Amino acid sequence: MEKKKVRTRYAPSPTGFMHIGNLRTALYEFLIAKGSSDGKFILRIEDTDQNRKVEDSIAIIYKTLQQVGIHHDEGPDIGGEFGPYIQSQRLDSYLPLAEQLIKEGQAYYCFCSKERLQSLHEKLENGNLVGRYDGKCRNLSQEEINHNLKMGIPYVIRQKMPTVGISEFCDSVYGPITVANDELEDQILIKTDKFPTYNFANVVDDHQMQITHVVRGCEYLSSTPKYNLLYEVYGWEKPQYIHLPLIMGKNPDGSISKLSKRHGATSFQDLIEQGFLPEAIINYIALLGWCPKDTREIFSLSELITHFSVDCISKSPAIFDYDKLTWFNAEYLKAKSDEEFLALCMPHFKQIFGDKDIDKPTLIAILKPRVTKLTQMKDLLDFLVNLKEYDISLFENKKSKSTLETSLKMLKNTLNELELLTNWSLQEIKCCLTSLAEKLGVKNGTLLWPIRIAISGQSVTAGGAIEILTILGQNESLKRIKLGLEKLQKHQ
């Protein structure tokens, strides 16, 4: 028997930015497809809930997948054998299939009003809320059904679920799952607006698109028997189910709960805006629930395709650690070539320096080993544009043996030497100041500390005094050293 080709699908709802949990699902679907010979990854938009649809969400989905390098083989924008790939354009598929089940006695018209259904949810029975539909319309006579249809009473179509026995299935991650059938509500297939429910549409579409593997969050484990009962009544082949562990966030008290906005950024776009690289995000998200067979952590997308396997997905919840993501981001930034790093920096340089000509190579040398997120640059480099007021106590530093008196002497001599410098370059400045320290009989630190304070106004900077002098240029450097001298002279 010929082995069936793997076909996976990512089927988001167009309701806003892509949550990192959804992005992980898309990634795993992609890796499963691409890790198989001739596997196909399909993008399908599930927009049956029109009330939740957000303008431009589909464009956001396309952009996000493109940014992280997840390319689909079939989808709304590129077509394919099983289109259309937007559910609202597939409405002709659903109602006839639901009506088929009515004819076969597997489904029924439900005419219950919203008010009645709401009261069911609010009704108390033995001190507990009754959350399931009570089956009032399950056994209406044909005469009652015809009358209600003739009167135009709004209805939904519900599937008749078995009331005895159990439903079983085997999940690739969680193993055998068993659910008592009397716990299953008669699920709605078609809503009053004639749109299918999510549960019904995704089963129909998965079958019609020949999906072999369904990846989703473990919160859908309890719903899977409902999906399987649909496959069974139609006589369709069931897909392989792969349910993923929850992604959790750390609370201030040390406990964990399902990741939400109170923990920080939860969407891909939020993380991008915070300065994280797409490739670092996708690498980190891959490890939220999947463990490689060795201790390796850094993977390109092509390497993930090679190494990913379903049997290494964990059942345990994954904790989203922003510090760990920051570490990943720093590693990816360090691994960039200088040209690539400069391209990433240029929008930030433009924001900070405007059209001013700056020493980009020196800036790159300073930033590359230090930056963990691109958004740090404004804070790291602002002093190069705006010298803020600072206290002269910063000139005092025990490690550098710097006092107010020594600082005054160092800056006077530095000013004299740098004013004579005709070639303002990092190497020339370094040679000049190294020679000056030797001439004054002090260690380099004793000379460079007060220079750093005078030209930056802060004790901790990205780059040392020589690099900062190079970037500032001769005129601005001398101007700041003179201001530092004035501060120290006023103190005498």
Protein backbone atom coordinates (compact mmCIF):
# COMPACT_ATOMS: atom_id res chain seq x y z
CA MET A 1 0.00 0.00 0.00
CA GLU A 2 1.39 3.39 -1.00
CA LYS A 3 2.21 5.63 1.94
CA LYS A 4 -0.09 8.63 2.16
CA LYS A 5 1.61 11.97 1.56
CA VAL A 6 1.74 14.23 4.59
CA ARG A 7 -0.52 17.26 4.38
CA THR A 8 -0.73 19.69 7.30
CA ARG A 9 -2.66 22.91 7.63
CA TYR A 10 -2.44 26.09 9.62
CA ALA A 11 -5.95 27.48 9.99
CA PRO A 12 -5.97 30.75 11.93
CA SER A 13 -8.95 32.98 12.52
CA PRO A 14 -8.44 36.58 11.30
CA THR A 15 -8.95 38.15 14.71
CA GLY A 16 -5.84 40.31 15.15
CA PHE A 17 -2.12 39.87 15.71
CA MET A 18 -0.67 36.37 15.80
CA HIS A 19 -0.26 35.03 19.33
CA ILE A 20 2.97 33.13 19.91
CA GLY A 21 0.95 29.98 20.67
CA ASN A 22 -0.62 30.18 17.22
CA LEU A 23 2.77 30.82 15.66
CA ARG A 24 4.15 27.72 17.39
CA THR A 25 1.28 25.68 15.94
CA ALA A 26 2.04 27.01 12.46
CA LEU A 27 5.74 26.23 12.92
CA TYR A 28 5.15 22.63 14.04
CA GLU A 29 2.67 22.04 11.19
CA PHE A 30 5.28 23.41 8.77
CA LEU A 31 8.10 21.29 10.23
CA ILE A 32 6.02 18.10 10.10
CA ALA A 33 5.15 18.72 6.46
CA LYS A 34 8.61 19.76 5.34
CA GLY A 35 10.31 16.99 7.30
CA SER A 36 8.42 14.47 5.18
CA SER A 37 9.10 13.63 1.55
CA ASP A 38 6.73 15.61 -0.67
CA GLY A 39 4.85 16.92 2.37
CA LYS A 40 2.58 19.93 1.86
CA PHE A 41 1.83 22.80 4.26
CA ILE A 42 -1.51 24.52 3.66
CA LEU A 43 -2.73 27.90 4.89
CA ARG A 44 -6.48 28.14 5.44
CA ILE A 45 -8.36 31.12 6.89
CA GLU A 46 -11.18 30.15 9.27
CA ASP A 47 -13.47 33.18 9.28
CA THR A 48 -16.79 31.59 10.14
CA ASP A 49 -17.12 33.83 13.20
CA GLN A 50 -17.68 37.07 11.31
CA ASN A 51 -18.29 39.05 14.53
CA ARG A 52 -14.69 38.54 15.65
CA LYS A 53 -13.08 39.29 12.30
CA VAL A 54 -10.55 42.16 12.47
CA GLU A 55 -9.72 44.28 9.45
CA ASP A 56 -6.29 43.57 7.90
CA SER A 57 -5.81 40.40 10.00
CA ILE A 58 -5.29 38.22 6.94
CA ALA A 59 -2.55 40.56 5.74
CA ILE A 60 -0.93 40.27 9.19
CA ILE A 61 -1.01 36.47 8.92
CA TYR A 62 0.71 36.58 5.52
CA LYS A 63 3.32 39.06 6.75
CA THR A 64 4.10 37.13 9.94
CA LEU A 65 4.59 33.82 8.15
CA GLN A 66 6.76 35.54 5.54
CA GLN A 67 8.89 37.23 8.23
CA VAL A 68 9.72 33.93 9.93
CA GLY A 69 10.26 32.02 6.68
CA ILE A 70 7.21 29.73 6.89
CA HIS A 71 6.03 29.43 3.30
CA HIS A 72 2.80 27.61 2.46
CA ASP A 73 2.30 25.39 -0.57
CA GLU A 74 -1.42 26.14 -0.92
CA GLY A 75 -3.48 29.03 0.37
CA PRO A 76 -5.83 31.91 -0.39
CA ASP A 77 -3.13 33.99 -2.06
CA ILE A 78 -1.55 31.27 -4.20
CA GLY A 79 -4.46 28.86 -4.72
CA GLY A 80 -4.20 25.10 -4.99
CA GLU A 81 -6.08 21.96 -5.85
CA PHE A 82 -8.49 22.14 -2.90
CA GLY A 83 -9.46 25.82 -2.83
CA PRO A 84 -10.95 28.15 -2.00
CA TYR A 85 -8.91 28.44 1.20
CA ILE A 86 -11.10 30.95 3.05
CA GLN A 87 -14.03 29.35 4.86
CA SER A 88 -16.52 32.13 4.09
CA GLN A 89 -15.92 31.31 0.41
CA ARG A 90 -16.69 27.62 1.00
CA LEU A 91 -20.22 27.98 2.40
CA ASP A 92 -21.72 25.81 -0.31
CA SER A 93 -19.84 22.85 1.22
CA TYR A 94 -21.27 22.90 4.73
CA LEU A 95 -25.05 23.24 4.72
CA PRO A 96 -25.68 20.31 2.32
CA LEU A 97 -23.49 18.06 4.45
CA ALA A 98 -25.35 19.07 7.62
CA GLU A 99 -28.72 18.52 5.94
CA GLN A 100 -27.48 15.10 4.83
CA LEU A 101 -27.06 14.17 8.49
CA ILE A 102 -30.61 15.36 9.22
CA LYS A 103 -31.94 13.01 6.53
CA GLU A 104 -29.90 10.17 8.00
CA GLY A 105 -31.19 10.84 11.53
CA GLN A 106 -27.74 11.93 12.75
CA ALA A 107 -28.62 15.63 13.19
CA TYR A 108 -31.68 17.82 13.80
CA TYR A 109 -33.07 21.34 13.61
CA CYS A 110 -32.93 23.15 16.97
CA PHE A 111 -35.33 26.09 17.30
CA CYS A 112 -34.47 27.05 20.89
CA SER A 113 -34.15 30.80 21.41
CA LYS A 114 -31.03 32.52 22.70
CA GLU A 115 -32.95 33.38 25.87
CA ARG A 116 -33.79 29.72 26.54
CA LEU A 117 -30.21 28.62 25.92
CA GLN A 118 -28.95 31.37 28.23
CA SER A 119 -31.32 30.25 30.97
CA LEU A 120 -29.97 26.71 30.66
CA HIS A 121 -26.50 27.96 31.43
CA GLU A 122 -27.76 29.88 34.42
CA LYS A 123 -29.99 27.14 35.80
CA LEU A 124 -28.79 25.49 38.99
CA GLU A 125 -29.01 21.74 39.40
CA ASN A 126 -27.64 20.14 42.54
CA GLY A 127 -25.69 23.30 43.20
CA ASN A 128 -23.82 23.13 39.90
CA LEU A 129 -24.29 25.05 36.65
CA VAL A 130 -25.73 23.02 33.80
CA GLY A 131 -23.60 23.92 30.81
CA ARG A 132 -24.95 21.50 28.19
CA TYR A 133 -27.92 21.67 25.90
CA ASP A 134 -30.81 19.53 27.20
CA GLY A 135 -31.91 18.07 23.87
CA LYS A 136 -35.35 19.72 23.82
CA CYS A 137 -35.54 19.74 19.99
CA ARG A 138 -33.80 16.39 19.50
CA ASN A 139 -37.03 14.44 19.01
CA LEU A 140 -39.46 16.95 17.54
CA SER A 141 -42.09 15.47 15.24
CA GLN A 142 -41.84 16.15 11.53
CA GLU A 143 -45.05 18.14 11.83
CA GLU A 144 -43.49 20.46 14.45
CA ILE A 145 -40.35 20.85 12.38
CA ASN A 146 -42.29 21.71 9.23
CA HIS A 147 -44.44 24.22 11.13
CA ASN A 148 -41.41 25.97 12.65
CA LEU A 149 -39.64 26.14 9.30
CA LYS A 150 -42.78 27.53 7.65
CA MET A 151 -43.06 30.19 10.38
CA GLY A 152 -39.45 31.24 9.77
CA ILE A 153 -38.35 30.52 13.33
CA PRO A 154 -34.55 30.81 13.49
CA TYR A 155 -32.76 27.51 13.95
CA VAL A 156 -29.37 25.87 14.24
CA ILE A 157 -28.48 22.36 13.13
CA ARG A 158 -27.18 20.11 15.88
CA GLN A 159 -25.51 16.73 15.63
CA LYS A 160 -27.04 13.92 17.67
CA MET A 161 -24.28 12.75 19.97
CA PRO A 162 -24.35 9.25 21.47
CA THR A 163 -25.64 9.21 25.05
CA VAL A 164 -24.06 5.92 26.18
CA GLY A 165 -20.66 4.33 25.92
CA ILE A 166 -17.30 5.99 25.42
CA SER A 167 -15.34 7.70 22.65
CA GLU A 168 -11.63 6.95 22.34
CA PHE A 169 -8.75 8.22 20.27
CA CYS A 170 -4.96 8.17 20.44
CA ASP A 171 -3.05 11.42 20.43
CA SER A 172 0.57 11.42 19.25
CA VAL A 173 1.66 13.37 22.34
CA TYR A 174 -0.81 12.49 25.10
CA GLY A 175 -1.50 8.90 24.12
CA PRO A 176 -4.92 7.21 24.52
CA ILE A 177 -7.75 9.58 25.47
CA THR A 178 -11.17 8.35 26.61
CA VAL A 179 -14.32 10.45 27.06
CA ALA A 180 -17.74 9.29 28.28
CA ASN A 181 -20.32 10.00 25.58
CA ASP A 182 -22.89 11.28 28.07
CA GLU A 183 -20.51 14.21 28.66
CA LEU A 184 -20.77 15.33 25.04
CA GLU A 185 -23.25 18.06 24.17
CA ASP A 186 -25.22 17.86 20.94
CA GLN A 187 -22.87 20.13 19.05
CA ILE A 188 -24.03 22.86 16.69
CA LEU A 189 -22.98 22.33 13.08
CA ILE A 190 -24.75 25.24 11.36
CA LYS A 191 -25.52 28.54 13.14
CA THR A 192 -28.59 30.69 12.66
CA ASP A 193 -26.74 32.83 10.12
CA LYS A 194 -26.19 29.64 8.04
CA PHE A 195 -22.45 29.82 8.72
CA PRO A 196 -20.85 26.62 9.99
CA THR A 197 -19.39 26.45 13.47
CA TYR A 198 -15.63 26.21 13.84
CA ASN A 199 -15.88 22.55 14.90
CA PHE A 200 -17.92 21.52 11.88
CA ALA A 201 -16.13 23.58 9.25
CA ASN A 202 -12.63 22.50 10.22
CA VAL A 203 -13.59 18.81 10.05
CA VAL A 204 -15.21 19.24 6.63
CA ASP A 205 -12.30 21.28 5.32
CA ASP A 206 -9.66 18.94 6.72
CA HIS A 207 -11.36 16.03 4.98
CA GLN A 208 -11.84 17.82 1.68
CA MET A 209 -8.27 19.12 1.72
CA GLN A 210 -6.94 15.63 2.58
CA ILE A 211 -5.22 16.80 5.77
CA THR A 212 -3.26 13.96 7.37
CA HIS A 213 -1.95 15.64 10.55
CA VAL A 214 -3.81 18.10 12.79
CA VAL A 215 -1.70 20.09 15.24
CA ARG A 216 -3.38 22.24 17.90
CA GLY A 217 -3.23 23.17 21.58
CA CYS A 218 -4.05 20.64 24.27
CA GLU A 219 -7.11 22.70 25.24
CA TYR A 220 -8.78 21.02 22.23
CA LEU A 221 -8.21 17.49 23.55
CA SER A 222 -11.70 17.36 25.06
CA SER A 223 -13.26 18.49 21.76
CA THR A 224 -11.54 15.88 19.62
CA PRO A 225 -14.15 13.12 20.28
CA LYS A 226 -16.73 15.49 18.74
CA TYR A 227 -14.59 15.84 15.64
CA ASN A 228 -14.11 12.09 15.44
CA LEU A 229 -17.85 11.43 15.67
CA LEU A 230 -18.28 13.60 12.58
CA TYR A 231 -15.59 11.65 10.74
CA GLU A 232 -17.35 8.44 11.73
CA VAL A 233 -20.88 9.40 10.66
CA TYR A 234 -19.55 10.45 7.24
CA GLY A 235 -17.25 7.44 6.94
CA TRP A 236 -14.18 9.63 6.50
CA GLU A 237 -10.60 8.74 7.42
CA LYS A 238 -9.44 10.47 10.61
CA PRO A 239 -6.22 12.49 10.70
CA GLN A 240 -3.34 11.98 13.10
CA TYR A 241 -3.80 14.25 16.12
CA ILE A 242 -0.89 16.11 17.71
CA HIS A 243 -1.90 18.21 20.70
CA LEU A 244 0.64 20.66 22.08
CA PRO A 245 1.28 21.58 25.72
CA LEU A 246 0.15 24.93 27.04
CA ILE A 247 2.51 27.91 27.00
CA MET A 248 2.63 29.40 30.49
CA GLY A 249 3.90 32.66 31.93
CA LYS A 250 5.54 33.44 35.27
CA ASN A 251 3.49 35.46 37.76
CA PRO A 252 5.10 37.95 40.20
CA ASP A 253 4.53 35.53 43.10
CA GLY A 254 6.46 32.78 41.33
CA SER A 255 3.42 30.78 40.25
CA ILE A 256 2.62 30.11 36.62
CA SER A 257 -0.54 30.54 34.59
CA LYS A 258 -1.50 30.45 30.92
CA LEU A 259 0.50 33.07 29.05
CA SER A 260 -1.40 36.35 28.71
CA LYS A 261 -0.70 40.05 28.29
CA ARG A 262 -0.11 40.49 32.01
CA HIS A 263 3.11 38.49 31.54
CA GLY A 264 4.37 40.79 28.76
CA ALA A 265 4.34 40.65 24.97
CA THR A 266 2.25 37.73 23.71
CA SER A 267 2.02 38.39 19.98
CA PHE A 268 4.72 38.07 17.35
CA GLN A 269 4.27 41.72 16.40
CA ASP A 270 4.72 42.82 20.03
CA LEU A 271 8.02 40.96 20.20
CA ILE A 272 9.23 42.45 16.92
CA GLU A 273 8.41 45.93 18.21
CA GLN A 274 10.42 45.18 21.36
CA GLY A 275 13.49 44.56 19.22
CA PHE A 276 13.55 40.77 18.85
CA LEU A 277 14.61 39.20 15.54
CA PRO A 278 12.14 36.91 13.70
CA GLU A 279 14.70 34.10 13.49
CA ALA A 280 15.41 34.29 17.24
CA ILE A 281 11.69 34.24 18.03
CA ILE A 282 11.03 31.22 15.81
CA ASN A 283 14.05 29.35 17.24
CA TYR A 284 12.90 29.98 20.81
CA ILE A 285 9.25 29.14 20.10
CA ALA A 286 10.34 25.82 18.55
CA LEU A 287 11.73 24.83 21.95
CA LEU A 288 8.51 25.66 23.82
CA GLY A 289 7.24 22.11 24.03
CA TRP A 290 9.79 20.34 21.83
CA CYS A 291 13.12 19.04 23.10
CA PRO A 292 15.92 18.12 20.66
CA LYS A 293 17.68 14.83 21.22
CA ASP A 294 20.90 16.60 22.26
CA THR A 295 21.67 19.75 24.24
CA ARG A 296 21.80 22.00 21.22
CA GLU A 297 19.65 25.14 21.33
CA ILE A 298 20.45 27.28 18.26
CA PHE A 299 18.68 26.08 15.11
CA SER A 300 18.02 27.75 11.79
CA LEU A 301 14.64 27.00 10.24
CA SER A 302 16.21 24.55 7.77
CA GLU A 303 17.96 22.80 10.66
CA LEU A 304 14.67 22.58 12.57
CA ILE A 305 13.14 20.82 9.56
CA THR A 306 15.91 18.22 9.73
CA HIS A 307 15.89 17.70 13.50
CA PHE A 308 12.22 18.12 14.47
CA SER A 309 10.27 15.00 15.42
CA VAL A 310 6.81 14.61 16.95
CA ASP A 311 8.02 12.01 19.46
CA CYS A 312 10.10 14.71 21.18
CA ILE A 313 7.11 16.96 21.94
CA SER A 314 6.50 17.16 25.67
CA LYS A 315 3.21 16.80 27.56
CA SER A 316 4.35 19.26 30.22
CA PRO A 317 3.48 22.96 29.97
CA ALA A 318 6.20 25.17 28.52
CA ILE A 319 7.14 28.37 30.36
CA PHE A 320 7.79 31.42 28.23
CA ASP A 321 10.96 33.00 29.60
CA TYR A 322 11.65 36.49 28.24
CA ASP A 323 15.21 36.38 29.61
CA LYS A 324 15.89 33.22 27.63
CA LEU A 325 14.42 34.77 24.48
CA THR A 326 16.68 37.78 25.05
CA TRP A 327 19.69 35.44 25.23
CA PHE A 328 18.66 33.84 21.93
CA ASN A 329 18.29 37.27 20.38
CA ALA A 330 21.75 38.36 21.53
CA GLU A 331 23.29 35.22 20.05
CA TYR A 332 21.62 35.83 16.71
CA LEU A 333 22.77 39.47 16.70
CA LYS A 334 26.36 38.46 17.43
CA ALA A 335 26.28 35.92 14.62
CA LYS A 336 25.33 38.57 12.04
CA SER A 337 27.98 39.82 9.66
CA ASP A 338 28.91 43.48 10.13
CA GLU A 339 26.96 44.33 6.98
CA GLU A 340 23.85 42.50 8.21
CA PHE A 341 24.13 44.06 11.65
CA LEU A 342 24.54 47.53 10.16
CA ALA A 343 21.40 47.04 8.05
CA LEU A 344 19.45 46.21 11.20
CA CYS A 345 20.92 49.21 13.01
CA MET A 346 20.38 51.82 10.31
CA PRO A 347 16.72 52.65 11.13
CA HIS A 348 17.76 53.19 14.74
CA PHE A 349 20.82 55.24 13.77
CA LYS A 350 18.57 57.40 11.61
CA GLN A 351 16.24 57.95 14.55
CA ILE A 352 19.09 58.80 16.93
CA PHE A 353 21.54 60.72 14.73
CA GLY A 354 19.32 61.99 11.93
CA ASP A 355 21.39 62.85 8.85
CA LYS A 356 24.59 63.35 10.82
CA ASP A 357 27.62 61.52 9.43
CA ILE A 358 28.78 58.96 12.01
CA ASP A 359 31.60 56.46 12.32
CA LYS A 360 29.52 53.36 11.59
CA PRO A 361 32.32 50.75 11.83
CA THR A 362 33.24 51.92 15.34
CA LEU A 363 29.59 51.96 16.37
CA ILE A 364 29.11 48.42 15.08
CA ALA A 365 32.22 47.25 16.97
CA ILE A 366 30.79 48.76 20.17
CA LEU A 367 27.23 47.54 19.79
CA LYS A 368 27.49 44.07 18.34
CA PRO A 369 28.87 42.30 21.43
CA ARG A 370 26.64 44.29 23.80
CA VAL A 371 23.18 44.66 22.28
CA THR A 372 20.58 42.06 23.20
CA LYS A 373 17.61 43.82 21.58
CA LEU A 374 17.58 46.36 18.79
CA THR A 375 15.39 48.71 20.82
CA GLN A 376 18.20 49.18 23.33
CA MET A 377 20.11 51.40 20.92
CA LYS A 378 18.24 54.59 21.79
CA ASP A 379 19.16 54.26 25.47
CA LEU A 380 22.70 53.06 24.75
CA LEU A 381 23.56 55.82 22.28
CA ASP A 382 21.51 58.80 23.37
CA PHE A 383 24.49 60.32 25.23
CA LEU A 384 26.29 60.66 21.91
CA VAL A 385 23.67 63.21 20.86
CA ASN A 386 22.55 64.65 24.18
CA LEU A 387 25.12 65.23 26.93
CA LYS A 388 22.98 65.41 30.05
CA GLU A 389 23.86 67.24 33.24
CA TYR A 390 25.98 65.07 35.54
CA ASP A 391 27.48 65.31 39.01
CA ILE A 392 31.26 65.77 39.34
CA SER A 393 31.36 62.91 41.86
CA LEU A 394 31.36 60.61 38.82
CA PHE A 395 34.99 61.62 38.23
CA GLU A 396 35.93 59.77 41.41
CA ASN A 397 36.66 56.07 40.91
CA LYS A 398 38.75 53.93 43.26
CA LYS A 399 39.50 51.21 40.72
CA SER A 400 40.97 53.72 38.28
CA LYS A 401 42.59 55.72 41.12
CA SER A 402 40.72 58.74 39.85
CA THR A 403 39.98 61.73 42.11
CA LEU A 404 38.70 65.21 41.38
CA GLU A 405 42.29 66.50 41.49
CA THR A 406 43.72 63.82 39.19
CA SER A 407 40.75 64.20 36.84
CA LEU A 408 41.44 67.92 36.47
CA LYS A 409 45.08 67.24 35.62
CA MET A 410 44.19 64.43 33.18
CA LEU A 411 41.61 66.50 31.29
CA LYS A 412 43.95 69.53 30.95
CA ASN A 413 46.67 67.38 29.41
CA THR A 414 44.19 65.46 27.26
CA LEU A 415 42.75 68.70 25.87
CA ASN A 416 46.19 69.96 24.92
CA GLU A 417 47.11 66.73 23.14
CA LEU A 418 43.81 66.19 21.32
CA GLU A 419 43.72 69.79 20.06
CA LEU A 420 46.97 69.08 18.19
CA LEU A 421 45.74 65.84 16.63
CA THR A 422 45.43 66.19 12.83
CA ASN A 423 44.12 62.69 12.02
CA TRP A 424 41.01 61.94 14.09
CA SER A 425 40.80 58.16 13.95
CA LEU A 426 40.50 55.42 16.52
CA GLN A 427 44.10 54.26 16.08
CA GLU A 428 45.55 57.79 16.22
CA ILE A 429 43.50 58.69 19.32
CA LYS A 430 44.53 55.45 21.01
CA CYS A 431 48.20 56.03 20.23
CA CYS A 432 47.97 59.63 21.43
CA LEU A 433 46.34 58.81 24.77
CA THR A 434 48.49 55.75 25.47
CA SER A 435 51.57 57.88 24.98
CA LEU A 436 50.11 60.62 27.19
CA ALA A 437 49.42 58.17 30.05
CA GLU A 438 53.00 56.93 29.81
CA LYS A 439 54.32 60.49 29.78
CA LEU A 440 52.25 61.41 32.87
CA GLY A 441 53.34 58.23 34.64
CA VAL A 442 49.82 56.93 35.21
CA LYS A 443 47.95 53.82 34.18
CA ASN A 444 45.65 54.07 31.18
CA GLY A 445 42.58 53.78 33.41
CA THR A 446 43.53 56.85 35.44
CA LEU A 447 43.64 58.90 32.25
CA LEU A 448 40.68 57.37 30.44
CA TRP A 449 38.18 57.41 33.33
CA PRO A 450 37.79 61.20 33.55
CA ILE A 451 37.72 61.41 29.74
CA ARG A 452 34.82 58.93 29.65
CA ILE A 453 32.90 60.94 32.25
CA ALA A 454 33.51 64.26 30.51
CA ILE A 455 32.46 63.09 27.07
CA SER A 456 29.51 60.89 28.12
CA GLY A 457 28.27 62.17 31.46
CA GLN A 458 27.84 58.59 32.70
CA SER A 459 29.98 55.93 34.30
CA VAL A 460 28.71 53.05 32.18
CA THR A 461 28.73 53.37 28.41
CA ALA A 462 28.60 51.24 25.31
CA GLY A 463 32.25 51.43 24.35
CA GLY A 464 35.19 52.98 26.08
CA ALA A 465 36.56 56.52 26.02
CA ILE A 466 38.60 56.03 22.84
CA GLU A 467 35.66 54.63 20.85
CA ILE A 468 33.38 57.42 22.09
CA LEU A 469 35.90 60.09 21.11
CA THR A 470 36.13 58.56 17.65
CA ILE A 471 32.37 58.61 17.15
CA LEU A 472 31.82 62.10 18.58
CA GLY A 473 34.41 63.66 16.32
CA GLN A 474 37.10 66.15 17.29
CA ASN A 475 35.00 69.29 17.71
CA GLU A 476 32.30 67.71 19.89
CA SER A 477 34.89 65.78 21.93
CA LEU A 478 36.94 68.89 22.71
CA LYS A 479 33.77 70.82 23.55
CA ARG A 480 32.71 68.18 26.10
CA ILE A 481 36.19 67.92 27.64
CA LYS A 482 36.20 71.70 28.14
CA LEU A 483 32.81 71.48 29.88
CA GLY A 484 34.22 68.79 32.17
CA LEU A 485 37.19 70.98 32.96
CA GLU A 486 34.89 73.89 33.84
CA LYS A 487 32.95 71.68 36.24
CA LEU A 488 36.11 70.56 38.01
CA GLN A 489 37.62 74.07 38.11
CA LYS A 490 34.47 75.48 39.71
CA HIS A 491 34.82 72.90 42.46
CA GLN A 492 38.35 74.00 43.41
